[in-house]
Amino acid sequence: MRFELFVARRYLFARRGQAFISVISWLSVAGVALGVASLIVVMGVMNGFTTDLRDKIIGMAAHAVVYSSEPVFEEDAALEETLRSAPGIVGLTPFIHSGALLSGRAGGSGVYLRGVDPKNAAAVLGGLKNMTRGKVEDLDDPEGLPGIIIGEVLADKLAVGMGGRVNVMAPSGRQSAAGFTPRITPFRVVGLFRIGLADYDGALAFVNLPNAREALGRPGRGVSGIETAVSDVYAAGDILRNALARTGRPDLYARTWQEMNANLFAALTLEKAAMAVILTLVVLVGSFSVVTALVMLVMEKTRDIAVLMSMGADAGKVRRIFMLQGLLIGLMGAATGSALGLGCCMLLKRYKFIELPRGVYSLDYLPVLLHWQEVLLTGGGAVLLCFLATLYPAGRAAGIEPVEALRHE
């Protein structure tokens, strides 16, 4: 193999007489490198966006929610204890949710009102652990008006701050002689949060369970469901199925975060796949330039190939010479592209110099998350394409007849 590799290197980077072929070889390396680098950067950014969006959604929504098919689902301490003791369940809290109208000094806005248990909510809803102002336990503060936690975007929209008063108008009301009277309940802002998603920061409000029932006009101890947190978010479905089997209640069923956001993550997966296909075509174009370079080299080196074969080099050795040339181009291009792509990703991750419009995306900068399996697959795929591109020119070179080639020289 040393002989084939030595000749392949000499042919690939010729200096005299065949400088044009050498330039084409370097352009082939550059084409493969740019394709690999672009693919690594785009995959890293897409992974970053998907992971960031997933974390923010899970931060304000449970990993899975337990519902009942019965018309009334009431709090049940025994049921909660059974679920909490199931393997993989790390936290749970009953909740109530409903649409409502929230009004402040600057007007009103529709919100998604959620009643939670302040003692357990932070263990399930990670976003409530890192509030910008206040803490979730303040919802149980008995002083003054009942407490409410809202997003900073919603607070700015309503022109209210910490300690400010807002009114919750529920869809349920009272029928009187004068007609339908809406149910209005005053609250005091005891906490603010900022997740980075407009759907949450501008349209989500938290109160405790008793106050939620009072504001929404729901008697008794009814709840909408039980939110749960699990140890493995990607195995939430299996964990909840096992947990529900322990309860012995056929009316209970669960929906995971993947099911509740299936359309969104399917769209992100499709977009990532589309970008990968488009950028793979860039690598494919680079591999076609390998074919061009090798075909021109075979035409230029016909006499040399004939001499080598007349000196004892068989067709297999000649074929390996040109296959090694394409392999070298692929290896150099993949290595250079991987280094360039990883370097760009590290710079983006550390310095965050590409800013995004606030309020449009869930982040203020380009996120980057590298999966080493994807980096290795990208580099390996580029090398494989370049190797496959060598088969035709290597076959042509191996098929040269020494006598006929030398006769025309």
Protein backbone atom coordinates (compact mmCIF):
# COMPACT_ATOMS: atom_id res chain seq x y z
CA MET A 1 0.00 0.00 0.00
CA ARG A 2 2.99 2.34 0.49
CA PHE A 3 3.62 2.40 -3.25
CA GLU A 4 0.00 3.30 -4.10
CA LEU A 5 -0.14 5.97 -1.37
CA PHE A 6 3.16 7.51 -2.47
CA VAL A 7 2.03 7.78 -6.10
CA ALA A 8 -1.42 9.05 -5.06
CA ARG A 9 0.11 11.88 -3.05
CA ARG A 10 2.48 12.83 -5.87
CA TYR A 11 -0.34 12.85 -8.42
CA LEU A 12 -2.77 14.70 -6.19
CA PHE A 13 -0.56 17.65 -5.37
CA ALA A 14 1.47 18.02 -8.54
CA ARG A 15 3.55 21.17 -8.72
CA ARG A 16 5.10 21.27 -12.16
CA GLY A 17 3.24 21.12 -15.39
CA GLN A 18 -0.04 20.09 -13.77
CA ALA A 19 -0.63 23.08 -11.48
CA PHE A 20 -4.17 23.39 -12.83
CA ILE A 21 -4.98 19.86 -11.68
CA SER A 22 -3.54 20.63 -8.24
CA VAL A 23 -5.76 23.72 -8.01
CA ILE A 24 -8.81 21.62 -8.85
CA SER A 25 -7.80 19.14 -6.15
CA TRP A 26 -7.57 21.91 -3.55
CA LEU A 27 -10.91 23.32 -4.70
CA SER A 28 -12.40 19.85 -4.23
CA VAL A 29 -11.06 19.78 -0.68
CA ALA A 30 -12.48 23.27 -0.06
CA GLY A 31 -15.89 22.28 -1.46
CA VAL A 32 -16.14 19.25 0.81
CA ALA A 33 -14.90 21.27 3.80
CA LEU A 34 -17.47 24.05 3.31
CA GLY A 35 -20.27 21.54 2.96
CA VAL A 36 -19.27 19.70 6.12
CA ALA A 37 -18.79 22.93 8.10
CA SER A 38 -22.15 24.32 7.00
CA LEU A 39 -23.92 21.09 7.89
CA ILE A 40 -22.32 20.95 11.35
CA VAL A 41 -23.22 24.58 12.14
CA VAL A 42 -26.81 24.28 10.93
CA MET A 43 -27.37 21.00 12.78
CA GLY A 44 -25.92 22.53 15.95
CA VAL A 45 -28.18 25.59 15.72
CA MET A 46 -31.27 23.47 14.97
CA ASN A 47 -30.47 21.21 17.93
CA GLY A 48 -30.05 24.30 20.12
CA PHE A 49 -33.39 25.77 19.07
CA THR A 50 -35.24 22.47 19.56
CA THR A 51 -33.69 21.82 22.98
CA ASP A 52 -34.25 25.37 24.18
CA LEU A 53 -37.87 25.31 23.05
CA ARG A 54 -38.41 21.92 24.68
CA ASP A 55 -36.91 23.09 27.98
CA LYS A 56 -39.06 26.21 28.03
CA ILE A 57 -42.23 24.31 27.21
CA ILE A 58 -41.48 21.73 29.90
CA GLY A 59 -40.58 24.56 32.29
CA MET A 60 -44.17 25.82 32.30
CA ALA A 61 -45.96 22.60 31.37
CA ALA A 62 -45.73 19.24 33.08
CA HIS A 63 -43.95 16.24 31.59
CA ALA A 64 -47.31 14.49 31.60
CA VAL A 65 -50.84 15.28 32.78
CA VAL A 66 -53.29 12.81 34.28
CA TYR A 67 -56.94 13.35 33.34
CA SER A 68 -60.18 11.57 34.17
CA SER A 69 -62.88 10.59 31.71
CA GLU A 70 -65.47 11.14 34.45
CA PRO A 71 -67.37 14.47 34.44
CA VAL A 72 -65.99 15.36 37.89
CA PHE A 73 -62.36 14.84 38.91
CA GLU A 74 -61.78 15.70 42.56
CA GLU A 75 -58.63 15.92 44.62
CA ASP A 76 -57.76 12.55 46.11
CA ALA A 77 -54.87 12.30 48.55
CA ALA A 78 -54.73 8.51 48.25
CA LEU A 79 -54.57 8.70 44.45
CA GLU A 80 -51.81 11.30 44.58
CA GLU A 81 -49.81 9.20 47.02
CA THR A 82 -50.15 6.13 44.77
CA LEU A 83 -48.92 8.08 41.76
CA ARG A 84 -46.12 9.70 43.73
CA SER A 85 -44.81 6.31 44.87
CA ALA A 86 -44.67 4.93 41.31
CA PRO A 87 -41.17 4.43 39.80
CA GLY A 88 -40.03 7.38 37.71
CA ILE A 89 -42.47 9.94 39.19
CA VAL A 90 -40.46 12.74 40.84
CA GLY A 91 -43.25 15.23 41.49
CA LEU A 92 -46.95 15.95 40.97
CA THR A 93 -49.50 18.62 41.69
CA PRO A 94 -53.26 18.93 41.03
CA PHE A 95 -54.29 21.90 38.94
CA ILE A 96 -57.22 23.84 37.51
CA HIS A 97 -57.07 25.69 34.22
CA SER A 98 -59.47 27.97 32.38
CA GLY A 99 -59.50 30.98 30.13
CA ALA A 100 -60.19 34.31 31.77
CA LEU A 101 -59.86 38.06 31.26
CA LEU A 102 -57.23 39.88 33.31
CA SER A 103 -57.53 43.65 33.64
CA GLY A 104 -55.10 46.20 35.03
CA ARG A 105 -54.45 49.94 34.87
CA ALA A 106 -53.70 49.87 31.14
CA GLY A 107 -56.63 47.70 30.03
CA GLY A 108 -57.33 44.00 29.82
CA SER A 109 -55.95 40.87 28.19
CA GLY A 110 -57.07 37.28 27.80
CA VAL A 111 -55.08 34.86 29.95
CA TYR A 112 -54.79 31.20 30.66
CA LEU A 113 -55.53 31.04 34.40
CA ARG A 114 -54.01 28.11 36.27
CA GLY A 115 -54.71 27.12 39.84
CA VAL A 116 -51.84 25.18 41.42
CA ASP A 117 -50.68 23.90 44.78
CA PRO A 118 -47.81 26.24 45.76
CA LYS A 119 -46.18 23.55 47.90
CA ASN A 120 -45.70 21.15 44.97
CA ALA A 121 -45.91 23.33 41.85
CA ALA A 122 -42.22 24.25 41.67
CA ALA A 123 -41.22 20.56 41.68
CA VAL A 124 -43.32 19.99 38.55
CA LEU A 125 -43.11 23.34 36.76
CA GLY A 126 -39.40 24.15 36.62
CA GLY A 127 -40.00 27.67 35.34
CA LEU A 128 -41.47 28.66 38.71
CA LYS A 129 -38.14 27.93 40.43
CA ASN A 130 -36.41 30.84 38.71
CA MET A 131 -38.92 33.68 38.90
CA THR A 132 -37.59 37.17 38.34
CA ARG A 133 -39.59 38.56 41.27
CA GLY A 134 -41.22 36.81 44.22
CA LYS A 135 -41.69 33.08 44.74
CA VAL A 136 -44.49 30.60 44.18
CA GLU A 137 -45.06 30.11 47.93
CA ASP A 138 -46.28 33.73 48.12
CA LEU A 139 -49.54 32.57 46.52
CA ASP A 140 -50.55 31.32 49.99
CA ASP A 141 -49.79 34.67 51.68
CA PRO A 142 -52.93 35.42 53.74
CA GLU A 143 -52.32 39.17 53.95
CA GLY A 144 -54.46 41.41 51.76
CA LEU A 145 -55.87 40.29 48.45
CA PRO A 146 -55.24 36.76 47.14
CA GLY A 147 -51.96 36.46 45.25
CA ILE A 148 -51.37 35.97 41.53
CA ILE A 149 -48.20 35.35 39.50
CA ILE A 150 -48.01 36.66 35.94
CA GLY A 151 -45.40 37.00 33.19
CA GLU A 152 -43.34 40.16 32.79
CA VAL A 153 -44.72 40.74 29.29
CA LEU A 154 -48.27 40.60 30.60
CA ALA A 155 -47.36 42.86 33.52
CA ASP A 156 -45.94 45.48 31.14
CA LYS A 157 -49.03 45.21 28.95
CA LEU A 158 -51.34 45.82 31.91
CA ALA A 159 -49.01 48.42 33.50
CA VAL A 160 -48.86 46.61 36.86
CA GLY A 161 -45.92 45.62 39.00
CA MET A 162 -45.20 43.80 42.23
CA GLY A 163 -48.03 44.48 44.68
CA GLY A 164 -50.26 45.88 41.95
CA ARG A 165 -53.95 45.00 41.72
CA VAL A 166 -55.51 43.12 38.82
CA ASN A 167 -59.02 41.82 38.31
CA VAL A 168 -59.87 38.37 36.98
CA MET A 169 -63.12 38.11 35.03
CA ALA A 170 -64.15 34.46 34.69
CA PRO A 171 -66.37 33.08 31.93
CA SER A 172 -68.77 31.81 34.59
CA GLY A 173 -71.02 34.40 36.20
CA ARG A 174 -74.29 34.99 37.96
CA GLN A 175 -77.72 35.20 36.39
CA SER A 176 -79.76 37.97 37.98
CA ALA A 177 -82.89 39.94 37.21
CA ALA A 178 -80.73 42.48 35.43
CA GLY A 179 -79.19 39.79 33.25
CA PHE A 180 -75.87 38.01 33.25
CA THR A 181 -73.32 39.45 35.66
CA PRO A 182 -69.70 38.36 35.15
CA ARG A 183 -67.72 37.04 38.10
CA ILE A 184 -64.90 39.49 38.93
CA THR A 185 -62.26 38.68 41.55
CA PRO A 186 -59.46 41.07 42.58
CA PHE A 187 -55.90 39.75 42.99
CA ARG A 188 -52.54 41.16 44.10
CA VAL A 189 -49.42 40.52 42.00
CA VAL A 190 -46.98 38.59 44.20
CA GLY A 191 -44.58 37.30 41.55
CA LEU A 192 -43.28 37.80 38.02
CA PHE A 193 -41.65 35.32 35.64
CA ARG A 194 -39.99 35.41 32.25
CA ILE A 195 -39.64 32.22 30.22
CA GLY A 196 -38.89 33.67 26.78
CA LEU A 197 -42.00 32.40 25.00
CA ALA A 198 -44.72 34.92 24.23
CA ASP A 199 -47.42 32.29 24.74
CA TYR A 200 -46.33 31.99 28.37
CA ASP A 201 -44.93 35.40 29.31
CA GLY A 202 -47.92 37.27 27.92
CA ALA A 203 -50.84 34.94 28.51
CA LEU A 204 -50.29 32.83 31.63
CA ALA A 205 -51.26 33.51 35.24
CA PHE A 206 -50.98 31.38 38.38
CA VAL A 207 -53.09 31.41 41.55
CA ASN A 208 -53.53 28.82 44.29
CA LEU A 209 -56.22 26.15 44.02
CA PRO A 210 -58.78 27.56 46.50
CA ASN A 211 -58.60 31.03 44.92
CA ALA A 212 -58.87 29.51 41.43
CA ARG A 213 -62.05 27.68 42.43
CA GLU A 214 -63.47 30.87 43.91
CA ALA A 215 -62.59 33.00 40.89
CA LEU A 216 -63.91 30.46 38.39
CA GLY A 217 -67.01 29.56 40.37
CA ARG A 218 -66.17 25.89 40.79
CA PRO A 219 -67.60 24.36 43.96
CA GLY A 220 -66.15 21.46 45.93
CA ARG A 221 -62.63 20.12 45.41
CA GLY A 222 -62.75 19.57 41.66
CA VAL A 223 -59.56 19.77 39.59
CA SER A 224 -58.81 19.69 35.88
CA GLY A 225 -56.11 17.06 36.30
CA ILE A 226 -52.80 16.16 37.95
CA GLU A 227 -49.55 17.44 36.50
CA THR A 228 -46.54 15.17 36.92
CA ALA A 229 -42.78 15.40 36.54
CA VAL A 230 -40.79 12.28 35.62
CA SER A 231 -37.14 11.28 35.82
CA ASP A 232 -36.82 10.68 32.06
CA VAL A 233 -38.80 13.08 29.88
CA TYR A 234 -38.46 10.85 26.82
CA ALA A 235 -39.95 7.88 28.70
CA ALA A 236 -42.86 9.85 30.17
CA GLY A 237 -45.45 7.72 28.36
CA ASP A 238 -44.16 4.40 29.73
CA ILE A 239 -43.71 5.82 33.24
CA LEU A 240 -47.27 7.15 33.38
CA ARG A 241 -48.76 3.93 31.98
CA ASN A 242 -47.07 1.97 34.76
CA ALA A 243 -48.14 4.53 37.36
CA LEU A 244 -51.79 4.53 36.24
CA ALA A 245 -51.85 0.73 36.29
CA ARG A 246 -51.07 0.89 40.02
CA THR A 247 -54.15 3.03 40.72
CA GLY A 248 -56.69 0.50 39.48
CA ARG A 249 -58.85 3.30 38.04
CA PRO A 250 -59.86 2.74 34.40
CA ASP A 251 -61.18 6.30 34.08
CA LEU A 252 -57.69 7.80 34.30
CA TYR A 253 -55.50 8.48 31.28
CA ALA A 254 -52.37 10.55 30.64
CA ARG A 255 -51.07 12.85 27.95
CA THR A 256 -47.33 13.51 27.69
CA TRP A 257 -45.57 16.73 26.69
CA GLN A 258 -44.68 15.08 23.37
CA GLU A 259 -48.34 14.37 22.58
CA MET A 260 -49.47 17.86 23.61
CA ASN A 261 -46.82 19.51 21.40
CA ALA A 262 -46.61 16.88 18.65
CA ASN A 263 -47.26 19.28 15.75
CA LEU A 264 -44.62 21.77 16.89
CA PHE A 265 -41.81 19.24 17.34
CA ALA A 266 -42.79 17.40 14.15
CA ALA A 267 -42.39 20.68 12.26
CA LEU A 268 -38.98 21.29 13.86
CA THR A 269 -37.84 17.76 13.01
CA LEU A 270 -39.00 18.18 9.42
CA GLU A 271 -37.22 21.53 9.13
CA LYS A 272 -34.01 20.03 10.50
CA ALA A 273 -34.22 17.12 8.05
CA ALA A 274 -34.85 19.50 5.13
CA MET A 275 -31.82 21.62 6.03
CA ALA A 276 -29.69 18.49 6.36
CA VAL A 277 -30.74 17.30 2.91
CA ILE A 278 -30.05 20.70 1.33
CA LEU A 279 -26.59 20.96 2.86
CA THR A 280 -25.78 17.34 2.03
CA LEU A 281 -26.23 18.38 -1.59
CA VAL A 282 -23.42 20.89 -1.03
CA VAL A 283 -21.16 18.02 0.05
CA LEU A 284 -22.38 16.02 -2.95
CA VAL A 285 -21.39 18.86 -5.28
CA GLY A 286 -17.95 18.79 -3.70
CA SER A 287 -17.71 15.06 -4.35
CA PHE A 288 -18.57 15.65 -8.01
CA SER A 289 -15.60 17.98 -8.24
CA VAL A 290 -13.53 15.01 -7.07
CA VAL A 291 -14.72 13.10 -10.15
CA THR A 292 -13.72 16.02 -12.36
CA ALA A 293 -10.27 16.29 -10.82
CA LEU A 294 -9.58 12.57 -11.10
CA VAL A 295 -10.86 12.24 -14.66
CA MET A 296 -8.62 15.11 -15.74
CA LEU A 297 -5.73 13.53 -13.86
CA VAL A 298 -6.28 10.17 -15.58
CA MET A 299 -6.27 11.90 -18.97
CA GLU A 300 -3.09 13.80 -18.05
CA LYS A 301 -1.30 10.79 -16.58
CA THR A 302 -2.21 8.21 -19.23
CA ARG A 303 1.41 7.81 -20.30
CA ASP A 304 2.62 7.53 -16.69
CA ILE A 305 -0.03 4.92 -15.93
CA ALA A 306 1.03 2.91 -18.98
CA VAL A 307 4.67 3.05 -17.88
CA LEU A 308 3.74 1.91 -14.36
CA MET A 309 1.73 -1.00 -15.73
CA SER A 310 4.52 -2.00 -18.10
CA MET A 311 6.89 -2.02 -15.10
CA GLY A 312 4.67 -4.50 -13.23
CA ALA A 313 1.91 -2.49 -11.60
CA ASP A 314 -1.28 -4.43 -12.12
CA ALA A 315 -4.78 -2.97 -12.65
CA GLY A 316 -5.61 -3.36 -8.95
CA LYS A 317 -2.70 -1.16 -7.88
CA VAL A 318 -3.58 1.51 -10.45
CA ARG A 319 -7.19 1.44 -9.27
CA ARG A 320 -6.10 1.83 -5.64
CA ILE A 321 -3.88 4.81 -6.53
CA PHE A 322 -6.86 6.84 -7.76
CA MET A 323 -9.20 5.56 -5.06
CA LEU A 324 -6.68 6.71 -2.46
CA GLN A 325 -6.58 10.14 -4.11
CA GLY A 326 -10.32 10.58 -3.67
CA LEU A 327 -10.12 9.22 -0.15
CA LEU A 328 -7.40 11.73 0.72
CA ILE A 329 -9.52 14.57 -0.64
CA GLY A 330 -12.49 13.35 1.43
CA LEU A 331 -10.42 12.97 4.61
CA MET A 332 -8.81 16.39 4.28
CA GLY A 333 -12.11 18.03 3.41
CA ALA A 334 -13.98 16.31 6.26
CA ALA A 335 -11.23 17.11 8.79
CA THR A 336 -10.98 20.75 7.70
CA GLY A 337 -14.75 21.17 7.57
CA SER A 338 -15.24 19.55 10.97
CA ALA A 339 -12.62 21.82 12.53
CA LEU A 340 -14.15 24.89 10.88
CA GLY A 341 -17.71 23.92 11.83
CA LEU A 342 -16.80 23.08 15.43
CA GLY A 343 -14.84 26.31 15.72
CA CYS A 344 -17.80 28.38 14.49
CA CYS A 345 -20.11 26.58 16.89
CA MET A 346 -17.79 27.20 19.83
CA LEU A 347 -17.53 30.89 18.97
CA LEU A 348 -21.32 31.22 18.62
CA LYS A 349 -21.85 29.44 21.92
CA ARG A 350 -19.28 31.45 23.85
CA TYR A 351 -19.60 34.98 22.50
CA LYS A 352 -23.25 34.99 21.25
CA PHE A 353 -22.40 37.63 18.65
CA ILE A 354 -25.44 36.89 16.46
CA GLU A 355 -28.43 38.51 18.16
CA LEU A 356 -32.07 37.72 17.34
CA PRO A 357 -35.01 40.13 17.45
CA ARG A 358 -36.56 40.21 20.90
CA GLY A 359 -40.11 38.92 21.08
CA VAL A 360 -39.85 37.11 17.75
CA TYR A 361 -37.86 34.06 18.84
CA SER A 362 -37.65 32.24 22.15
CA LEU A 363 -34.00 33.35 22.50
CA ASP A 364 -32.08 36.60 22.11
CA TYR A 365 -29.14 34.85 20.40
CA LEU A 366 -28.38 31.80 18.27
CA PRO A 367 -28.30 28.70 20.48
CA VAL A 368 -25.86 25.89 19.68
CA LEU A 369 -25.97 22.29 20.83
CA LEU A 370 -23.60 19.76 19.27
CA HIS A 371 -24.25 16.03 19.16
CA TRP A 372 -20.98 14.22 18.53
CA GLN A 373 -22.80 11.41 16.75
CA GLU A 374 -24.04 13.90 14.14
CA VAL A 375 -20.57 15.42 13.74
CA LEU A 376 -19.02 12.00 13.16
CA LEU A 377 -21.84 11.00 10.81
CA THR A 378 -21.39 14.21 8.79
CA GLY A 379 -17.65 13.74 8.43
CA GLY A 380 -17.97 10.04 7.68
CA GLY A 381 -20.68 10.67 5.09
CA ALA A 382 -18.48 13.21 3.29
CA VAL A 383 -15.58 10.76 3.16
CA LEU A 384 -17.89 8.03 1.86
CA LEU A 385 -19.27 10.27 -0.92
CA CYS A 386 -15.75 11.21 -2.00
CA PHE A 387 -14.72 7.55 -2.01
CA LEU A 388 -17.71 6.57 -4.14
CA ALA A 389 -16.83 9.41 -6.52
CA THR A 390 -13.49 7.74 -7.22
CA LEU A 391 -14.95 4.49 -8.55
CA TYR A 392 -15.50 5.68 -12.14
CA PRO A 393 -12.16 7.46 -12.74
CA ALA A 394 -10.28 4.66 -10.92
CA GLY A 395 -11.96 2.10 -13.16
CA ARG A 396 -11.02 4.11 -16.24
CA ALA A 397 -7.41 4.30 -15.11
CA ALA A 398 -7.26 0.57 -14.38
CA GLY A 399 -8.66 -0.19 -17.85
CA ILE A 400 -5.86 1.55 -19.74
CA GLU A 401 -3.95 -0.72 -22.11
CA PRO A 402 -0.21 0.07 -21.83
CA VAL A 403 0.58 -0.77 -25.46
CA GLU A 404 -2.21 1.38 -26.87
CA ALA A 405 -1.42 4.25 -24.50
CA LEU A 406 2.29 4.30 -25.35
CA ARG A 407 1.66 3.91 -29.05
CA HIS A 408 -0.12 7.25 -29.22
CA GLU A 409 2.53 9.10 -27.22
